[in-house]
Amino acid sequence: MLFRNIKFKEDDNTSSEIIQAFDSEMKLVDLFEKMAGHRLSSNSGLLREFEGVDGIADIVLFELYKNYEKNLVLGNLSPRWTFALKALPYRRAFDTDSFVAATGVSKQTATSALHQYVKLGFCIKKKEPQSWIKVKQPILIAKKIYAIEAKLKDWKRALKQASRYRDYSNQSWVLLDDYTVKSAIQNIHFFIDANIGLASINARGYVNIHFSPHTLEPKSEIRLWQANTEIARRINLGF
């Protein structure tokens, strides 16, 4: 589980210091990244501002498969075309019209995507007009994906957004300011019903877990492939 894999600084209850609220969401996310980022294992990573079809997650943490490096070419694809590539028949010829029918795009757009597949070594063009064959399968690089929506206090909005991230993540969490988390805790049943994790962090970096969600398969295979493409792209760029 996400937070159990990360050892955070223990809170010192004997301190007389009064812990104040965060004055910006960015500072809250910055502190979480500081506490979590360098504690991840060698096959894991943390991304900020993770952009997907379902919105922009403040943080995405991921665990990678072994030998993921061999499959980073995925990051050179346009995310919208990754699942379409995966769905193509392997080692069997297909034509442009069948690809158009499967994707619902124009012939010109489909041809452009197919040329992208060829350029990256996934497909080759046959001698026959408008005929292609897939010679390499795309492979997912992320074994597990954890999405986090951070807010200072608006837990309802955060919960709604975090629920969308379950399309591609194995766990989705809401991270709030510990100073203002009381209202969310009083409504913890909404998080339990949605299987969305709830945690809070204070200004000294202590993370308090209020509900840990079950680890499940992502809801959408298409969104999972898109998320893997984005993770691969960010790795290729050095995050």
Protein backbone atom coordinates (compact mmCIF):
# COMPACT_ATOMS: atom_id res chain seq x y z
CA MET A 1 0.00 0.00 0.00
CA LEU A 2 1.22 3.46 -0.93
CA PHE A 3 1.88 5.16 2.40
CA ARG A 4 3.08 2.03 4.17
CA ASN A 5 5.91 1.83 1.66
CA ILE A 6 7.11 5.29 2.69
CA LYS A 7 8.47 6.00 6.16
CA PHE A 8 7.56 9.55 7.09
CA LYS A 9 9.01 11.66 9.87
CA GLU A 10 7.37 10.85 13.17
CA ASP A 11 5.43 13.65 14.80
CA ASP A 12 6.81 14.88 18.09
CA ASN A 13 3.86 15.23 20.40
CA THR A 14 6.05 16.62 23.17
CA SER A 15 6.84 19.76 21.19
CA SER A 16 5.20 22.97 22.35
CA GLU A 17 5.31 24.33 18.79
CA ILE A 18 1.91 25.25 17.36
CA ILE A 19 1.64 23.81 13.88
CA GLN A 20 0.00 26.27 11.51
CA ALA A 21 -2.01 25.60 8.39
CA PHE A 22 -0.32 25.60 4.99
CA ASP A 23 -0.70 28.95 3.27
CA SER A 24 -0.75 27.41 -0.21
CA GLU A 25 -1.51 24.11 -1.87
CA MET A 26 1.89 24.22 -3.58
CA LYS A 27 3.70 24.23 -0.22
CA LEU A 28 1.65 21.23 0.91
CA VAL A 29 2.55 19.30 -2.24
CA ASP A 30 6.19 20.43 -2.04
CA LEU A 31 6.51 19.05 1.48
CA PHE A 32 4.87 15.76 0.57
CA GLU A 33 7.26 15.39 -2.36
CA LYS A 34 10.22 16.15 -0.09
CA MET A 35 9.12 13.54 2.45
CA ALA A 36 8.14 10.87 -0.07
CA GLY A 37 10.25 11.38 -3.16
CA HIS A 38 13.68 10.34 -1.93
CA ARG A 39 12.25 7.41 0.04
CA LEU A 40 10.95 5.59 -3.02
CA SER A 41 12.69 2.44 -4.22
CA SER A 42 14.86 2.34 -7.33
CA ASN A 43 12.02 0.99 -9.46
CA SER A 44 9.56 3.68 -8.34
CA GLY A 45 9.03 7.34 -9.11
CA LEU A 46 7.03 10.45 -8.32
CA LEU A 47 5.58 12.87 -10.85
CA ARG A 48 4.03 16.28 -10.23
CA GLU A 49 1.17 17.75 -12.27
CA PHE A 50 0.36 14.48 -14.03
CA GLU A 51 -1.80 15.35 -17.00
CA GLY A 52 -4.37 12.89 -18.28
CA VAL A 53 -7.78 12.79 -19.92
CA ASP A 54 -9.33 12.69 -16.43
CA GLY A 55 -7.64 15.89 -15.29
CA ILE A 56 -4.30 16.85 -13.75
CA ALA A 57 -3.35 14.87 -10.65
CA ASP A 58 -1.16 16.81 -8.23
CA ILE A 59 1.03 13.75 -7.67
CA VAL A 60 1.34 10.34 -9.25
CA LEU A 61 3.58 7.69 -7.76
CA PHE A 62 4.35 4.55 -9.71
CA GLU A 63 6.13 1.22 -9.45
CA LEU A 64 7.87 0.00 -12.59
CA TYR A 65 8.21 -3.48 -14.03
CA LYS A 66 11.67 -4.99 -14.25
CA ASN A 67 13.44 -4.16 -17.53
CA TYR A 68 11.01 -1.29 -18.10
CA GLU A 69 13.79 0.56 -19.94
CA LYS A 70 13.30 -1.67 -22.98
CA ASN A 71 9.74 -0.40 -23.33
CA LEU A 72 10.26 3.35 -22.89
CA VAL A 73 9.63 3.80 -26.60
CA LEU A 74 6.01 3.90 -25.45
CA GLY A 75 6.67 7.47 -24.36
CA ASN A 76 7.30 8.53 -27.96
CA LEU A 77 3.76 7.67 -28.95
CA SER A 78 0.82 10.03 -28.76
CA PRO A 79 -1.26 8.79 -25.77
CA ARG A 80 -4.42 8.72 -27.88
CA TRP A 81 -2.87 6.06 -30.15
CA THR A 82 -1.35 3.70 -27.59
CA PHE A 83 -4.39 1.55 -26.89
CA ALA A 84 -5.28 1.46 -30.59
CA LEU A 85 -1.82 0.03 -31.24
CA LYS A 86 -2.24 -2.54 -28.50
CA ALA A 87 -5.58 -3.62 -30.00
CA LEU A 88 -4.16 -4.25 -33.48
CA PRO A 89 -3.74 -7.92 -34.50
CA TYR A 90 -0.19 -9.15 -33.95
CA ARG A 91 1.71 -10.52 -36.94
CA ARG A 92 -1.42 -10.42 -39.06
CA ALA A 93 -1.91 -8.00 -41.93
CA PHE A 94 -4.58 -5.31 -41.69
CA ASP A 95 -5.55 -2.43 -43.93
CA THR A 96 -6.04 1.26 -43.35
CA ASP A 97 -9.82 1.05 -43.71
CA SER A 98 -10.10 -1.49 -40.88
CA PHE A 99 -8.01 0.80 -38.66
CA VAL A 100 -10.29 3.72 -39.57
CA ALA A 101 -13.35 1.64 -38.65
CA ALA A 102 -11.83 0.59 -35.33
CA THR A 103 -10.73 4.07 -34.26
CA GLY A 104 -13.50 6.20 -35.77
CA VAL A 105 -11.12 8.78 -37.24
CA SER A 106 -10.55 10.05 -40.76
CA LYS A 107 -8.39 8.11 -43.17
CA GLN A 108 -5.83 10.91 -43.15
CA THR A 109 -5.58 10.86 -39.35
CA ALA A 110 -5.41 7.06 -39.28
CA THR A 111 -2.64 7.02 -41.87
CA SER A 112 -0.67 9.56 -39.84
CA ALA A 113 -0.97 7.34 -36.74
CA LEU A 114 0.11 4.26 -38.70
CA HIS A 115 3.18 6.05 -39.99
CA GLN A 116 3.98 6.90 -36.35
CA TYR A 117 3.79 3.19 -35.52
CA VAL A 118 6.15 2.41 -38.39
CA LYS A 119 8.63 5.10 -37.35
CA LEU A 120 8.81 3.69 -33.82
CA GLY A 121 9.23 0.10 -35.00
CA PHE A 122 5.83 -1.25 -33.99
CA CYS A 123 4.52 -1.78 -37.51
CA ILE A 124 5.80 -2.17 -41.04
CA LYS A 125 4.07 -1.22 -44.27
CA LYS A 126 3.53 -4.05 -46.70
CA LYS A 127 3.96 -3.87 -50.45
CA GLU A 128 0.23 -4.07 -50.98
CA PRO A 129 -1.46 -0.63 -50.99
CA GLN A 130 -2.79 0.50 -47.59
CA SER A 131 -1.63 -2.72 -45.95
CA TRP A 132 0.26 -2.96 -42.67
CA ILE A 133 1.40 -5.49 -40.10
CA LYS A 134 2.23 -5.11 -36.42
CA VAL A 135 5.63 -6.65 -35.66
CA LYS A 136 6.18 -5.43 -32.09
CA GLN A 137 3.82 -5.36 -29.15
CA PRO A 138 3.65 -2.30 -26.87
CA ILE A 139 4.23 -3.23 -23.23
CA LEU A 140 3.09 -1.43 -20.08
CA ILE A 141 5.93 -0.09 -17.94
CA ALA A 142 4.06 0.69 -14.70
CA LYS A 143 3.22 -2.21 -12.40
CA LYS A 144 1.22 -0.01 -10.04
CA ILE A 145 -0.01 3.59 -10.24
CA TYR A 146 -1.11 5.72 -7.27
CA ALA A 147 -2.78 9.08 -7.91
CA ILE A 148 -3.07 11.86 -5.33
CA GLU A 149 -5.31 14.93 -5.38
CA ALA A 150 -4.13 17.54 -2.87
CA LYS A 151 -6.28 20.31 -1.44
CA LEU A 152 -5.98 22.64 1.52
CA LYS A 153 -9.54 21.96 2.70
CA ASP A 154 -12.08 21.37 -0.10
CA TRP A 155 -12.45 17.64 0.41
CA LYS A 156 -15.63 17.32 -1.66
CA ARG A 157 -13.97 18.71 -4.76
CA ALA A 158 -10.85 16.64 -4.10
CA LEU A 159 -12.86 13.43 -3.68
CA LYS A 160 -14.70 14.04 -6.95
CA GLN A 161 -11.47 14.57 -8.83
CA ALA A 162 -9.63 11.67 -7.17
CA SER A 163 -12.49 9.35 -8.16
CA ARG A 164 -11.76 10.13 -11.82
CA TYR A 165 -8.15 9.07 -11.42
CA ARG A 166 -9.29 5.54 -10.61
CA ASP A 167 -9.72 5.12 -14.37
CA TYR A 168 -5.96 4.56 -14.61
CA SER A 169 -4.71 4.09 -11.04
CA ASN A 170 -4.64 1.14 -8.66
CA GLN A 171 -5.22 3.49 -5.74
CA SER A 172 -6.41 7.07 -5.65
CA TRP A 173 -6.01 9.36 -2.65
CA VAL A 174 -7.05 12.73 -1.31
CA LEU A 175 -4.30 14.55 0.62
CA LEU A 176 -5.44 17.43 2.84
CA ASP A 177 -3.89 19.88 5.25
CA ASP A 178 -3.96 18.23 8.68
CA TYR A 179 -5.08 21.59 10.07
CA THR A 180 -8.38 21.43 8.18
CA VAL A 181 -9.00 17.69 7.73
CA LYS A 182 -11.62 17.38 10.48
CA SER A 183 -14.60 17.90 8.16
CA ALA A 184 -13.40 15.18 5.80
CA ILE A 185 -12.91 12.75 8.68
CA GLN A 186 -16.46 13.44 9.84
CA ASN A 187 -17.59 12.40 6.35
CA ILE A 188 -15.20 9.46 6.00
CA HIS A 189 -18.00 7.21 4.76
CA PHE A 190 -17.91 9.00 1.41
CA PHE A 191 -14.26 7.97 1.00
CA ILE A 192 -14.97 4.41 2.12
CA ASP A 193 -17.90 4.06 -0.29
CA ALA A 194 -15.79 5.38 -3.18
CA ASN A 195 -12.68 3.41 -2.13
CA ILE A 196 -10.64 6.62 -2.21
CA GLY A 197 -7.87 7.02 0.35
CA LEU A 198 -7.78 9.94 2.76
CA ALA A 199 -4.58 11.25 4.31
CA SER A 200 -3.43 14.54 5.76
CA ILE A 201 -0.05 16.17 6.25
CA ASN A 202 1.05 18.83 8.70
CA ALA A 203 3.69 21.50 8.32
CA ARG A 204 6.35 19.34 9.97
CA GLY A 205 5.88 16.60 7.41
CA TYR A 206 3.92 14.07 9.44
CA VAL A 207 1.39 12.15 7.35
CA ASN A 208 -1.74 10.85 9.06
CA ILE A 209 -3.71 8.10 7.31
CA HIS A 210 -7.47 8.21 7.89
CA PHE A 211 -8.60 5.62 5.33
CA SER A 212 -6.53 3.23 3.22
CA PRO A 213 -8.27 2.06 0.02
CA HIS A 214 -8.12 -1.39 -1.47
CA THR A 215 -5.65 -1.86 -4.31
CA LEU A 216 -7.67 -2.63 -7.43
CA GLU A 217 -7.18 -2.86 -11.16
CA PRO A 218 -7.73 0.45 -13.00
CA LYS A 219 -11.27 0.91 -14.27
CA SER A 220 -10.31 1.73 -17.86
CA GLU A 221 -7.78 -0.18 -19.92
CA ILE A 222 -7.64 2.68 -22.40
CA ARG A 223 -6.83 5.21 -19.65
CA LEU A 224 -4.26 2.81 -18.18
CA TRP A 225 -2.39 2.68 -21.48
CA GLN A 226 -2.59 6.46 -21.81
CA ALA A 227 -1.20 6.90 -18.30
CA ASN A 228 1.66 4.49 -19.01
CA THR A 229 2.47 6.46 -22.14
CA GLU A 230 2.62 9.69 -20.14
CA ILE A 231 4.80 8.08 -17.45
CA ALA A 232 7.18 6.80 -20.14
CA ARG A 233 7.27 10.23 -21.77
CA ARG A 234 8.13 11.92 -18.46
CA ILE A 235 10.84 9.35 -17.72
CA ASN A 236 12.34 9.98 -21.15
CA LEU A 237 12.39 13.69 -20.33
CA GLY A 238 14.00 13.07 -16.94
CA PHE A 239 10.68 13.67 -15.13
